[in-house]
Amino acid sequence: MLRYIVWRTAAMIPTLLLISALVFSIIELPPGDYFESYVAELRAMGEAADMAEIEALRERYGFDQPAPIRYFHWLGGMLTGDFGYSFEYRLPVSDVVGDRLWLTMLVSFVTIMVTWVIAFPIGIYSATHQYSWGDYGLTFVGLIGIAIPNFMLALILMYFANIWFGTSIGHLMDQEYLGQSMSWAKAKSILEHLWIPVLIIGTAGTAGMIRRLRANLLDELQKQYVVTARAKGLPPFRALVKYPLRMSLNFFISDIGSILPAIISGAEITAIVLSLETTGPMLIKALQSQDMYLAGSFLMFLAFLTVIGVLVSDIALAILDPRIRLQGGSTK
């Protein structure tokens, strides 16, 4: 196990280097750069751009140098904790992400917890009461949850909240707290608004997890070792939890690789619809405006979390399921 962990950790270095090169190349693919987009935006609004200032900024941040030199400068800065400067926000990248990162983590973490708390009991019930009225009803609700896109559900809730209650359900806090430092009143406002994005974002995830848990658990319940455990008089609940449920959680463990970056990125389209102060809309805006350092650093952080998540899931799967081995060789 230790040898496997050391090997996988060492393999992360070339993997992340390759990802960084791909990220930089993709961001560089569109013609021009942020400064050209900024000048074009000013001209479209009928304003004059100070070209001397633009050229000074281009030279200051190395945009007058070849792309390979800028790539190594960006990569070296990230290794020393300098993630660059956001031209869109006129601030260092670490300052731009700031509160948005913590708000995104809060929304995503609560959504994941709610998803698990709801999906696990329902999935177990559906599998152990197959083809019952409860199973049919929960299956129908789950299929509806999967079929409705999150952004459409957000639009529907916004419409009915405005029609029925005359209120807007956008943002993660009241307007008066936007841009203010954290306080008890602001934290209370965030908690009051939190349930709406959690409900919307978690709908599809909860429905999907219920379906997968039900399918995996049904497959395990038909296997011979469950029949043998029941024949030996093992209590039904213990016979369910000790082996079938444990074996059916493999998909849950393997999802760690995607859950970690999802905690940071969040549901981008839903966040835009609800005007949430999270990192998803910020990333999309940075990509659109070619804010290279902000977009590139953010994507690299997501890649790092993905690589870590995959490593953690592989190790956890080997611990959870004795049928999975981390070393090669044949078995007898």
C-alpha atoms as a PDB file:
ATOM      1  CA  MET A   1       0.000   0.000   0.000  1.00  0.00           C
ATOM      2  CA  LEU A   2       2.747   2.461   0.958  1.00  0.00           C
ATOM      3  CA  ARG A   3       4.638   1.755  -2.264  1.00  0.00           C
ATOM      4  CA  TYR A   4       1.487   2.366  -4.275  1.00  0.00           C
ATOM      5  CA  ILE A   5       0.817   5.686  -2.516  1.00  0.00           C
ATOM      6  CA  VAL A   6       4.390   6.887  -3.095  1.00  0.00           C
ATOM      7  CA  TRP A   7       4.232   5.894  -6.779  1.00  0.00           C
ATOM      8  CA  ARG A   8       0.874   7.603  -7.330  1.00  0.00           C
ATOM      9  CA  THR A   9       2.035  10.742  -5.518  1.00  0.00           C
ATOM     10  CA  ALA A  10       5.135  10.919  -7.712  1.00  0.00           C
ATOM     11  CA  ALA A  11       3.001  10.405 -10.828  1.00  0.00           C
ATOM     12  CA  MET A  12       0.955  13.473  -9.873  1.00  0.00           C
ATOM     13  CA  ILE A  13       3.861  15.797 -10.747  1.00  0.00           C
ATOM     14  CA  PRO A  14       4.090  15.046 -14.506  1.00  0.00           C
ATOM     15  CA  THR A  15       0.290  14.815 -14.636  1.00  0.00           C
ATOM     16  CA  LEU A  16      -0.142  18.316 -13.244  1.00  0.00           C
ATOM     17  CA  LEU A  17       2.628  19.671 -15.475  1.00  0.00           C
ATOM     18  CA  LEU A  18       0.880  18.263 -18.533  1.00  0.00           C
ATOM     19  CA  ILE A  19      -2.448  19.694 -17.371  1.00  0.00           C
ATOM     20  CA  SER A  20      -0.861  23.117 -16.808  1.00  0.00           C
ATOM     21  CA  ALA A  21       0.512  23.109 -20.355  1.00  0.00           C
ATOM     22  CA  LEU A  22      -2.902  22.134 -21.754  1.00  0.00           C
ATOM     23  CA  VAL A  23      -4.702  24.771 -19.689  1.00  0.00           C
ATOM     24  CA  PHE A  24      -2.307  27.503 -20.782  1.00  0.00           C
ATOM     25  CA  SER A  25      -2.522  26.432 -24.437  1.00  0.00           C
ATOM     26  CA  ILE A  26      -6.332  26.358 -24.439  1.00  0.00           C
ATOM     27  CA  ILE A  27      -6.567  29.793 -22.824  1.00  0.00           C
ATOM     28  CA  GLU A  28      -4.100  31.105 -25.428  1.00  0.00           C
ATOM     29  CA  LEU A  29      -6.022  29.631 -28.388  1.00  0.00           C
ATOM     30  CA  PRO A  30      -8.493  32.520 -28.903  1.00  0.00           C
ATOM     31  CA  PRO A  31      -6.933  35.394 -30.856  1.00  0.00           C
ATOM     32  CA  GLY A  32      -5.727  38.385 -28.881  1.00  0.00           C
ATOM     33  CA  ASP A  33      -5.556  38.769 -25.122  1.00  0.00           C
ATOM     34  CA  TYR A  34      -7.393  40.512 -22.293  1.00  0.00           C
ATOM     35  CA  PHE A  35      -6.063  43.939 -23.204  1.00  0.00           C
ATOM     36  CA  GLU A  36      -7.311  43.716 -26.773  1.00  0.00           C
ATOM     37  CA  SER A  37     -10.728  42.602 -25.516  1.00  0.00           C
ATOM     38  CA  TYR A  38     -10.722  45.486 -23.038  1.00  0.00           C
ATOM     39  CA  VAL A  39      -9.897  48.048 -25.743  1.00  0.00           C
ATOM     40  CA  ALA A  40     -12.624  46.629 -28.007  1.00  0.00           C
ATOM     41  CA  GLU A  41     -15.141  46.814 -25.151  1.00  0.00           C
ATOM     42  CA  LEU A  42     -14.267  50.456 -24.469  1.00  0.00           C
ATOM     43  CA  ARG A  43     -14.620  51.369 -28.142  1.00  0.00           C
ATOM     44  CA  ALA A  44     -17.974  49.607 -28.318  1.00  0.00           C
ATOM     45  CA  MET A  45     -19.181  51.818 -25.466  1.00  0.00           C
ATOM     46  CA  GLY A  46     -17.862  54.906 -27.265  1.00  0.00           C
ATOM     47  CA  GLU A  47     -14.988  55.515 -24.846  1.00  0.00           C
ATOM     48  CA  ALA A  48     -11.357  56.131 -25.721  1.00  0.00           C
ATOM     49  CA  ALA A  49      -8.675  53.784 -24.433  1.00  0.00           C
ATOM     50  CA  ASP A  50      -5.337  55.055 -23.108  1.00  0.00           C
ATOM     51  CA  MET A  51      -3.072  53.009 -25.372  1.00  0.00           C
ATOM     52  CA  ALA A  52       0.043  54.111 -23.514  1.00  0.00           C
ATOM     53  CA  GLU A  53      -1.371  52.695 -20.290  1.00  0.00           C
ATOM     54  CA  ILE A  54      -2.450  49.507 -22.089  1.00  0.00           C
ATOM     55  CA  GLU A  55       1.037  48.985 -23.529  1.00  0.00           C
ATOM     56  CA  ALA A  56       2.597  49.633 -20.128  1.00  0.00           C
ATOM     57  CA  LEU A  57       0.365  46.969 -18.587  1.00  0.00           C
ATOM     58  CA  ARG A  58       1.170  44.526 -21.376  1.00  0.00           C
ATOM     59  CA  GLU A  59       4.873  45.014 -20.787  1.00  0.00           C
ATOM     60  CA  ARG A  60       4.513  44.868 -17.009  1.00  0.00           C
ATOM     61  CA  TYR A  61       2.792  41.482 -17.076  1.00  0.00           C
ATOM     62  CA  GLY A  62       4.933  40.001 -19.836  1.00  0.00           C
ATOM     63  CA  PHE A  63       2.373  39.989 -22.638  1.00  0.00           C
ATOM     64  CA  ASP A  64       5.008  41.407 -24.965  1.00  0.00           C
ATOM     65  CA  GLN A  65       7.003  38.173 -24.552  1.00  0.00           C
ATOM     66  CA  PRO A  66       6.538  34.827 -26.342  1.00  0.00           C
ATOM     67  CA  ALA A  67       3.936  32.412 -24.966  1.00  0.00           C
ATOM     68  CA  PRO A  68       6.468  29.799 -23.679  1.00  0.00           C
ATOM     69  CA  ILE A  69       8.211  32.421 -21.529  1.00  0.00           C
ATOM     70  CA  ARG A  70       4.869  33.568 -20.085  1.00  0.00           C
ATOM     71  CA  TYR A  71       3.930  29.951 -19.379  1.00  0.00           C
ATOM     72  CA  PHE A  72       7.061  29.266 -17.336  1.00  0.00           C
ATOM     73  CA  HIS A  73       6.668  32.591 -15.550  1.00  0.00           C
ATOM     74  CA  TRP A  74       3.081  31.680 -14.633  1.00  0.00           C
ATOM     75  CA  LEU A  75       4.052  28.146 -13.587  1.00  0.00           C
ATOM     76  CA  GLY A  76       6.957  29.372 -11.457  1.00  0.00           C
ATOM     77  CA  GLY A  77       4.704  31.907  -9.755  1.00  0.00           C
ATOM     78  CA  MET A  78       2.169  29.240  -8.784  1.00  0.00           C
ATOM     79  CA  LEU A  79       4.919  27.093  -7.256  1.00  0.00           C
ATOM     80  CA  THR A  80       5.872  30.023  -4.999  1.00  0.00           C
ATOM     81  CA  GLY A  81       2.273  30.898  -4.087  1.00  0.00           C
ATOM     82  CA  ASP A  82       1.902  33.789  -6.557  1.00  0.00           C
ATOM     83  CA  PHE A  83      -1.173  33.066  -8.687  1.00  0.00           C
ATOM     84  CA  GLY A  84      -0.858  36.211 -10.731  1.00  0.00           C
ATOM     85  CA  TYR A  85      -2.979  39.314 -11.218  1.00  0.00           C
ATOM     86  CA  SER A  86      -6.599  39.531 -12.332  1.00  0.00           C
ATOM     87  CA  PHE A  87      -6.927  42.228 -14.982  1.00  0.00           C
ATOM     88  CA  GLU A  88     -10.710  42.153 -14.818  1.00  0.00           C
ATOM     89  CA  TYR A  89     -10.876  42.871 -11.078  1.00  0.00           C
ATOM     90  CA  ARG A  90      -7.571  44.807 -10.833  1.00  0.00           C
ATOM     91  CA  LEU A  91      -6.535  42.679  -7.875  1.00  0.00           C
ATOM     92  CA  PRO A  92      -4.267  39.687  -7.181  1.00  0.00           C
ATOM     93  CA  VAL A  93      -5.973  36.376  -7.946  1.00  0.00           C
ATOM     94  CA  SER A  94      -5.848  35.269  -4.298  1.00  0.00           C
ATOM     95  CA  ASP A  95      -7.740  38.422  -3.268  1.00  0.00           C
ATOM     96  CA  VAL A  96     -10.332  38.014  -6.021  1.00  0.00           C
ATOM     97  CA  VAL A  97     -11.177  34.425  -5.086  1.00  0.00           C
ATOM     98  CA  GLY A  98     -11.290  35.230  -1.342  1.00  0.00           C
ATOM     99  CA  ASP A  99     -14.848  35.194   0.021  1.00  0.00           C
ATOM    100  CA  ARG A 100     -16.255  33.603  -3.134  1.00  0.00           C
ATOM    101  CA  LEU A 101     -14.206  30.453  -2.479  1.00  0.00           C
ATOM    102  CA  TRP A 102     -15.558  30.031   1.044  1.00  0.00           C
ATOM    103  CA  LEU A 103     -19.136  30.707  -0.040  1.00  0.00           C
ATOM    104  CA  THR A 104     -18.790  28.151  -2.846  1.00  0.00           C
ATOM    105  CA  MET A 105     -17.388  25.566  -0.443  1.00  0.00           C
ATOM    106  CA  LEU A 106     -20.251  26.243   1.981  1.00  0.00           C
ATOM    107  CA  VAL A 107     -22.948  25.828  -0.675  1.00  0.00           C
ATOM    108  CA  SER A 108     -21.377  22.706  -2.188  1.00  0.00           C
ATOM    109  CA  PHE A 109     -20.558  21.060   1.152  1.00  0.00           C
ATOM    110  CA  VAL A 110     -24.082  21.541   2.507  1.00  0.00           C
ATOM    111  CA  THR A 111     -25.519  20.316  -0.819  1.00  0.00           C
ATOM    112  CA  ILE A 112     -23.412  17.142  -0.668  1.00  0.00           C
ATOM    113  CA  MET A 113     -24.388  16.466   2.957  1.00  0.00           C
ATOM    114  CA  VAL A 114     -28.094  16.967   2.214  1.00  0.00           C
ATOM    115  CA  THR A 115     -27.790  14.733  -0.859  1.00  0.00           C
ATOM    116  CA  TRP A 116     -26.265  11.912   1.152  1.00  0.00           C
ATOM    117  CA  VAL A 117     -28.728  12.225   4.034  1.00  0.00           C
ATOM    118  CA  ILE A 118     -31.709  12.030   1.663  1.00  0.00           C
ATOM    119  CA  ALA A 119     -30.371   9.593  -0.939  1.00  0.00           C
ATOM    120  CA  PHE A 120     -29.064   6.830   1.315  1.00  0.00           C
ATOM    121  CA  PRO A 121     -32.287   5.987   3.214  1.00  0.00           C
ATOM    122  CA  ILE A 122     -34.409   6.285   0.068  1.00  0.00           C
ATOM    123  CA  GLY A 123     -32.015   4.165  -2.002  1.00  0.00           C
ATOM    124  CA  ILE A 124     -31.895   1.455   0.660  1.00  0.00           C
ATOM    125  CA  TYR A 125     -35.677   1.480   1.030  1.00  0.00           C
ATOM    126  CA  SER A 126     -36.231   1.221  -2.738  1.00  0.00           C
ATOM    127  CA  ALA A 127     -33.822  -1.713  -3.012  1.00  0.00           C
ATOM    128  CA  THR A 128     -35.257  -3.631  -0.067  1.00  0.00           C
ATOM    129  CA  HIS A 129     -38.880  -2.957  -1.134  1.00  0.00           C
ATOM    130  CA  GLN A 130     -38.485  -3.587  -4.839  1.00  0.00           C
ATOM    131  CA  TYR A 131     -41.633  -3.067  -6.966  1.00  0.00           C
ATOM    132  CA  SER A 132     -43.646  -1.777  -4.024  1.00  0.00           C
ATOM    133  CA  TRP A 133     -45.801   1.338  -4.273  1.00  0.00           C
ATOM    134  CA  GLY A 134     -43.159   3.207  -2.319  1.00  0.00           C
ATOM    135  CA  ASP A 135     -40.479   2.076  -4.744  1.00  0.00           C
ATOM    136  CA  TYR A 136     -42.573   3.145  -7.747  1.00  0.00           C
ATOM    137  CA  GLY A 137     -43.339   6.530  -6.213  1.00  0.00           C
ATOM    138  CA  LEU A 138     -39.733   7.279  -5.258  1.00  0.00           C
ATOM    139  CA  THR A 139     -38.529   6.093  -8.662  1.00  0.00           C
ATOM    140  CA  PHE A 140     -40.968   8.458 -10.376  1.00  0.00           C
ATOM    141  CA  VAL A 141     -39.820  11.408  -8.254  1.00  0.00           C
ATOM    142  CA  GLY A 142     -36.189  10.508  -8.874  1.00  0.00           C
ATOM    143  CA  LEU A 143     -36.678  10.377 -12.640  1.00  0.00           C
ATOM    144  CA  ILE A 144     -38.307  13.809 -12.552  1.00  0.00           C
ATOM    145  CA  GLY A 145     -35.343  15.138 -10.565  1.00  0.00           C
ATOM    146  CA  ILE A 146     -32.909  13.776 -13.133  1.00  0.00           C
ATOM    147  CA  ALA A 147     -34.948  15.026 -16.112  1.00  0.00           C
ATOM    148  CA  ILE A 148     -35.302  18.660 -14.981  1.00  0.00           C
ATOM    149  CA  PRO A 149     -32.090  20.692 -15.458  1.00  0.00           C
ATOM    150  CA  ASN A 150     -30.942  22.653 -12.425  1.00  0.00           C
ATOM    151  CA  PHE A 151     -31.059  26.005 -14.196  1.00  0.00           C
ATOM    152  CA  MET A 152     -34.676  25.366 -15.320  1.00  0.00           C
ATOM    153  CA  LEU A 153     -35.697  24.458 -11.776  1.00  0.00           C
ATOM    154  CA  ALA A 154     -34.040  27.682 -10.607  1.00  0.00           C
ATOM    155  CA  LEU A 155     -36.018  29.709 -13.142  1.00  0.00           C
ATOM    156  CA  ILE A 156     -39.275  27.996 -12.094  1.00  0.00           C
ATOM    157  CA  LEU A 157     -38.674  28.693  -8.391  1.00  0.00           C
ATOM    158  CA  MET A 158     -37.701  32.294  -9.102  1.00  0.00           C
ATOM    159  CA  TYR A 159     -40.907  32.794 -11.103  1.00  0.00           C
ATOM    160  CA  PHE A 160     -43.262  31.319  -8.515  1.00  0.00           C
ATOM    161  CA  ALA A 161     -41.479  33.033  -5.632  1.00  0.00           C
ATOM    162  CA  ASN A 162     -42.042  36.337  -7.369  1.00  0.00           C
ATOM    163  CA  ILE A 163     -45.669  35.576  -8.333  1.00  0.00           C
ATOM    164  CA  TRP A 164     -46.808  34.011  -5.062  1.00  0.00           C
ATOM    165  CA  PHE A 165     -44.698  35.851  -2.479  1.00  0.00           C
ATOM    166  CA  GLY A 166     -43.502  38.914  -4.379  1.00  0.00           C
ATOM    167  CA  THR A 167     -39.890  38.261  -3.441  1.00  0.00           C
ATOM    168  CA  SER A 168     -36.634  37.584  -5.242  1.00  0.00           C
ATOM    169  CA  ILE A 169     -34.696  34.460  -4.267  1.00  0.00           C
ATOM    170  CA  GLY A 170     -31.455  35.417  -5.982  1.00  0.00           C
ATOM    171  CA  HIS A 171     -28.064  35.950  -4.277  1.00  0.00           C
ATOM    172  CA  LEU A 172     -26.667  34.233  -1.209  1.00  0.00           C
ATOM    173  CA  MET A 173     -27.383  37.159   1.111  1.00  0.00           C
ATOM    174  CA  ASP A 174     -29.381  40.345   1.365  1.00  0.00           C
ATOM    175  CA  GLN A 175     -28.215  43.188  -0.872  1.00  0.00           C
ATOM    176  CA  GLU A 176     -27.079  45.291   2.075  1.00  0.00           C
ATOM    177  CA  TYR A 177     -24.378  42.736   2.989  1.00  0.00           C
ATOM    178  CA  LEU A 178     -22.786  42.471  -0.467  1.00  0.00           C
ATOM    179  CA  GLY A 179     -19.139  43.512  -0.304  1.00  0.00           C
ATOM    180  CA  GLN A 180     -19.136  43.785   3.496  1.00  0.00           C
ATOM    181  CA  SER A 181     -16.851  41.854   5.813  1.00  0.00           C
ATOM    182  CA  MET A 182     -18.227  38.811   7.598  1.00  0.00           C
ATOM    183  CA  SER A 183     -20.419  39.500  10.615  1.00  0.00           C
ATOM    184  CA  TRP A 184     -23.073  37.674  12.581  1.00  0.00           C
ATOM    185  CA  ALA A 185     -25.837  39.486  10.680  1.00  0.00           C
ATOM    186  CA  LYS A 186     -24.238  38.608   7.330  1.00  0.00           C
ATOM    187  CA  ALA A 187     -23.753  34.958   8.359  1.00  0.00           C
ATOM    188  CA  LYS A 188     -27.419  34.795   9.415  1.00  0.00           C
ATOM    189  CA  SER A 189     -28.479  36.232   6.061  1.00  0.00           C
ATOM    190  CA  ILE A 190     -26.352  33.642   4.214  1.00  0.00           C
ATOM    191  CA  LEU A 191     -27.933  30.791   6.182  1.00  0.00           C
ATOM    192  CA  GLU A 192     -31.417  32.150   5.410  1.00  0.00           C
ATOM    193  CA  HIS A 193     -30.679  32.157   1.664  1.00  0.00           C
ATOM    194  CA  LEU A 194     -28.645  28.923   1.614  1.00  0.00           C
ATOM    195  CA  TRP A 195     -31.508  26.432   1.387  1.00  0.00           C
ATOM    196  CA  ILE A 196     -32.626  27.650  -2.051  1.00  0.00           C
ATOM    197  CA  PRO A 197     -29.426  26.844  -4.020  1.00  0.00           C
ATOM    198  CA  VAL A 198     -28.955  23.678  -1.941  1.00  0.00           C
ATOM    199  CA  LEU A 199     -32.454  22.498  -2.913  1.00  0.00           C
ATOM    200  CA  ILE A 200     -31.948  23.316  -6.592  1.00  0.00           C
ATOM    201  CA  ILE A 201     -28.387  22.035  -7.032  1.00  0.00           C
ATOM    202  CA  GLY A 202     -28.963  18.928  -4.940  1.00  0.00           C
ATOM    203  CA  THR A 203     -32.090  17.751  -6.788  1.00  0.00           C
ATOM    204  CA  ALA A 204     -30.372  16.037  -9.711  1.00  0.00           C
ATOM    205  CA  GLY A 205     -27.523  14.704  -7.561  1.00  0.00           C
ATOM    206  CA  THR A 206     -29.903  13.206  -5.022  1.00  0.00           C
ATOM    207  CA  ALA A 207     -32.026  11.559  -7.689  1.00  0.00           C
ATOM    208  CA  GLY A 208     -28.991  10.140  -9.475  1.00  0.00           C
ATOM    209  CA  MET A 209     -27.477   8.766  -6.267  1.00  0.00           C
ATOM    210  CA  ILE A 210     -30.773   7.099  -5.313  1.00  0.00           C
ATOM    211  CA  ARG A 211     -30.916   5.308  -8.669  1.00  0.00           C
ATOM    212  CA  ARG A 212     -27.303   4.150  -8.510  1.00  0.00           C
ATOM    213  CA  LEU A 213     -27.496   2.989  -4.909  1.00  0.00           C
ATOM    214  CA  ARG A 214     -30.720   1.104  -5.608  1.00  0.00           C
ATOM    215  CA  ALA A 215     -29.268  -0.625  -8.676  1.00  0.00           C
ATOM    216  CA  ASN A 216     -26.010  -1.612  -6.962  1.00  0.00           C
ATOM    217  CA  LEU A 217     -27.731  -2.808  -3.811  1.00  0.00           C
ATOM    218  CA  LEU A 218     -30.242  -4.891  -5.780  1.00  0.00           C
ATOM    219  CA  ASP A 219     -27.348  -6.557  -7.585  1.00  0.00           C
ATOM    220  CA  GLU A 220     -25.605  -7.393  -4.301  1.00  0.00           C
ATOM    221  CA  LEU A 221     -28.771  -8.672  -2.622  1.00  0.00           C
ATOM    222  CA  GLN A 222     -29.115 -11.381  -5.286  1.00  0.00           C
ATOM    223  CA  LYS A 223     -25.665 -12.839  -4.666  1.00  0.00           C
ATOM    224  CA  GLN A 224     -24.987 -16.147  -2.966  1.00  0.00           C
ATOM    225  CA  TYR A 225     -23.260 -14.800   0.136  1.00  0.00           C
ATOM    226  CA  VAL A 226     -26.421 -12.840   1.082  1.00  0.00           C
ATOM    227  CA  VAL A 227     -28.569 -15.961   0.671  1.00  0.00           C
ATOM    228  CA  THR A 228     -26.093 -17.900   2.828  1.00  0.00           C
ATOM    229  CA  ALA A 229     -26.092 -15.199   5.527  1.00  0.00           C
ATOM    230  CA  ARG A 230     -29.880 -15.260   5.677  1.00  0.00           C
ATOM    231  CA  ALA A 231     -29.933 -19.067   5.776  1.00  0.00           C
ATOM    232  CA  LYS A 232     -27.597 -19.019   8.776  1.00  0.00           C
ATOM    233  CA  GLY A 233     -30.062 -16.817  10.659  1.00  0.00           C
ATOM    234  CA  LEU A 234     -28.206 -13.511  10.484  1.00  0.00           C
ATOM    235  CA  PRO A 235     -30.592 -10.648  11.427  1.00  0.00           C
ATOM    236  CA  PRO A 236     -31.944  -8.881   8.309  1.00  0.00           C
ATOM    237  CA  PHE A 237     -30.520  -5.456   9.177  1.00  0.00           C
ATOM    238  CA  ARG A 238     -27.061  -6.854   9.936  1.00  0.00           C
ATOM    239  CA  ALA A 239     -27.154  -9.008   6.803  1.00  0.00           C
ATOM    240  CA  LEU A 240     -27.923  -5.862   4.818  1.00  0.00           C
ATOM    241  CA  VAL A 241     -25.388  -3.480   6.351  1.00  0.00           C
ATOM    242  CA  LYS A 242     -22.403  -5.743   6.899  1.00  0.00           C
ATOM    243  CA  TYR A 243     -21.859  -6.894   3.311  1.00  0.00           C
ATOM    244  CA  PRO A 244     -24.352  -5.854   0.560  1.00  0.00           C
ATOM    245  CA  LEU A 245     -24.519  -2.167   1.504  1.00  0.00           C
ATOM    246  CA  ARG A 246     -20.780  -2.008   1.956  1.00  0.00           C
ATOM    247  CA  MET A 247     -20.118  -3.546  -1.451  1.00  0.00           C
ATOM    248  CA  SER A 248     -22.688  -1.325  -3.174  1.00  0.00           C
ATOM    249  CA  LEU A 249     -20.913   1.859  -2.030  1.00  0.00           C
ATOM    250  CA  ASN A 250     -18.065   1.486  -4.526  1.00  0.00           C
ATOM    251  CA  PHE A 251     -19.607   4.085  -6.840  1.00  0.00           C
ATOM    252  CA  PHE A 252     -19.888   6.477  -3.896  1.00  0.00           C
ATOM    253  CA  ILE A 253     -16.193   6.144  -3.059  1.00  0.00           C
ATOM    254  CA  SER A 254     -15.105   6.426  -6.689  1.00  0.00           C
ATOM    255  CA  ASP A 255     -17.027   9.727  -6.954  1.00  0.00           C
ATOM    256  CA  ILE A 256     -14.598  11.404  -4.552  1.00  0.00           C
ATOM    257  CA  GLY A 257     -12.425  12.323  -7.531  1.00  0.00           C
ATOM    258  CA  SER A 258     -15.247  14.459  -8.926  1.00  0.00           C
ATOM    259  CA  ILE A 259     -16.719  15.633  -5.615  1.00  0.00           C
ATOM    260  CA  LEU A 260     -13.601  17.544  -4.485  1.00  0.00           C
ATOM    261  CA  PRO A 261     -13.397  19.866  -7.519  1.00  0.00           C
ATOM    262  CA  ALA A 262     -17.192  20.154  -7.538  1.00  0.00           C
ATOM    263  CA  ILE A 263     -17.018  21.582  -4.016  1.00  0.00           C
ATOM    264  CA  ILE A 264     -14.943  24.482  -5.379  1.00  0.00           C
ATOM    265  CA  SER A 265     -16.404  24.993  -8.844  1.00  0.00           C
ATOM    266  CA  GLY A 266     -20.080  24.653  -7.909  1.00  0.00           C
ATOM    267  CA  ALA A 267     -22.983  24.620 -10.354  1.00  0.00           C
ATOM    268  CA  GLU A 268     -21.944  27.418 -12.704  1.00  0.00           C
ATOM    269  CA  ILE A 269     -25.131  27.840 -14.749  1.00  0.00           C
ATOM    270  CA  THR A 270     -27.386  27.659 -11.692  1.00  0.00           C
ATOM    271  CA  ALA A 271     -25.160  30.179  -9.909  1.00  0.00           C
ATOM    272  CA  ILE A 272     -25.501  32.578 -12.850  1.00  0.00           C
ATOM    273  CA  VAL A 273     -29.300  32.210 -12.905  1.00  0.00           C
ATOM    274  CA  LEU A 274     -29.573  32.800  -9.143  1.00  0.00           C
ATOM    275  CA  SER A 275     -26.839  35.502  -9.103  1.00  0.00           C
ATOM    276  CA  LEU A 276     -24.914  33.579  -6.450  1.00  0.00           C
ATOM    277  CA  GLU A 277     -21.665  35.055  -5.123  1.00  0.00           C
ATOM    278  CA  THR A 278     -19.712  31.863  -5.881  1.00  0.00           C
ATOM    279  CA  THR A 279     -16.682  31.045  -8.008  1.00  0.00           C
ATOM    280  CA  GLY A 280     -18.563  29.447 -10.923  1.00  0.00           C
ATOM    281  CA  PRO A 281     -19.736  32.692 -12.589  1.00  0.00           C
ATOM    282  CA  MET A 282     -16.340  34.234 -11.887  1.00  0.00           C
ATOM    283  CA  LEU A 283     -14.570  31.417 -13.765  1.00  0.00           C
ATOM    284  CA  ILE A 284     -16.878  31.706 -16.779  1.00  0.00           C
ATOM    285  CA  LYS A 285     -16.403  35.483 -16.899  1.00  0.00           C
ATOM    286  CA  ALA A 286     -12.625  35.082 -16.653  1.00  0.00           C
ATOM    287  CA  LEU A 287     -12.617  32.650 -19.581  1.00  0.00           C
ATOM    288  CA  GLN A 288     -14.796  34.945 -21.665  1.00  0.00           C
ATOM    289  CA  SER A 289     -12.614  38.002 -21.036  1.00  0.00           C
ATOM    290  CA  GLN A 290      -9.347  36.018 -21.362  1.00  0.00           C
ATOM    291  CA  ASP A 291      -8.299  36.947 -17.835  1.00  0.00           C
ATOM    292  CA  MET A 292      -5.493  34.414 -18.125  1.00  0.00           C
ATOM    293  CA  TYR A 293      -4.039  34.326 -14.617  1.00  0.00           C
ATOM    294  CA  LEU A 294      -7.413  34.116 -12.881  1.00  0.00           C
ATOM    295  CA  ALA A 295      -8.848  31.443 -15.198  1.00  0.00           C
ATOM    296  CA  GLY A 296      -5.622  29.430 -15.429  1.00  0.00           C
ATOM    297  CA  SER A 297      -4.934  29.400 -11.692  1.00  0.00           C
ATOM    298  CA  PHE A 298      -8.523  28.415 -10.959  1.00  0.00           C
ATOM    299  CA  LEU A 299      -8.467  25.545 -13.467  1.00  0.00           C
ATOM    300  CA  MET A 300      -5.148  24.307 -12.093  1.00  0.00           C
ATOM    301  CA  PHE A 301      -6.591  24.273  -8.583  1.00  0.00           C
ATOM    302  CA  LEU A 302      -9.509  22.162  -9.812  1.00  0.00           C
ATOM    303  CA  ALA A 303      -7.085  19.803 -11.570  1.00  0.00           C
ATOM    304  CA  PHE A 304      -5.060  19.435  -8.371  1.00  0.00           C
ATOM    305  CA  LEU A 305      -8.197  18.579  -6.378  1.00  0.00           C
ATOM    306  CA  THR A 306      -9.226  16.051  -9.045  1.00  0.00           C
ATOM    307  CA  VAL A 307      -5.873  14.264  -8.908  1.00  0.00           C
ATOM    308  CA  ILE A 308      -5.968  14.192  -5.095  1.00  0.00           C
ATOM    309  CA  GLY A 309      -9.566  12.971  -5.133  1.00  0.00           C
ATOM    310  CA  VAL A 310      -8.812  10.111  -7.511  1.00  0.00           C
ATOM    311  CA  LEU A 311      -5.892   8.991  -5.316  1.00  0.00           C
ATOM    312  CA  VAL A 312      -8.051   9.099  -2.173  1.00  0.00           C
ATOM    313  CA  SER A 313     -10.872   7.185  -3.885  1.00  0.00           C
ATOM    314  CA  ASP A 314      -8.509   4.452  -5.122  1.00  0.00           C
ATOM    315  CA  ILE A 315      -7.069   3.933  -1.644  1.00  0.00           C
ATOM    316  CA  ALA A 316     -10.514   3.998  -0.010  1.00  0.00           C
ATOM    317  CA  LEU A 317     -11.875   1.469  -2.518  1.00  0.00           C
ATOM    318  CA  ALA A 318      -9.055  -0.935  -1.703  1.00  0.00           C
ATOM    319  CA  ILE A 319      -9.845  -0.606   2.011  1.00  0.00           C
ATOM    320  CA  LEU A 320     -13.616  -0.909   1.570  1.00  0.00           C
ATOM    321  CA  ASP A 321     -13.702  -3.782  -0.916  1.00  0.00           C
ATOM    322  CA  PRO A 322     -11.271  -6.699  -0.374  1.00  0.00           C
ATOM    323  CA  ARG A 323     -11.828  -7.755  -4.007  1.00  0.00           C
ATOM    324  CA  ILE A 324      -9.851  -4.707  -5.142  1.00  0.00           C
ATOM    325  CA  ARG A 325      -6.073  -4.946  -4.948  1.00  0.00           C
ATOM    326  CA  LEU A 326      -3.532  -2.190  -5.561  1.00  0.00           C
ATOM    327  CA  GLN A 327      -0.757  -4.504  -6.682  1.00  0.00           C
ATOM    328  CA  GLY A 328      -0.520  -6.705  -9.760  1.00  0.00           C
ATOM    329  CA  GLY A 329      -0.181 -10.440  -9.967  1.00  0.00           C
ATOM    330  CA  SER A 330      -2.578 -13.330 -10.309  1.00  0.00           C
ATOM    331  CA  THR A 331      -4.741 -14.698  -7.517  1.00  0.00           C
ATOM    332  CA  LYS A 332      -5.374 -18.327  -6.710  1.00  0.00           C
END
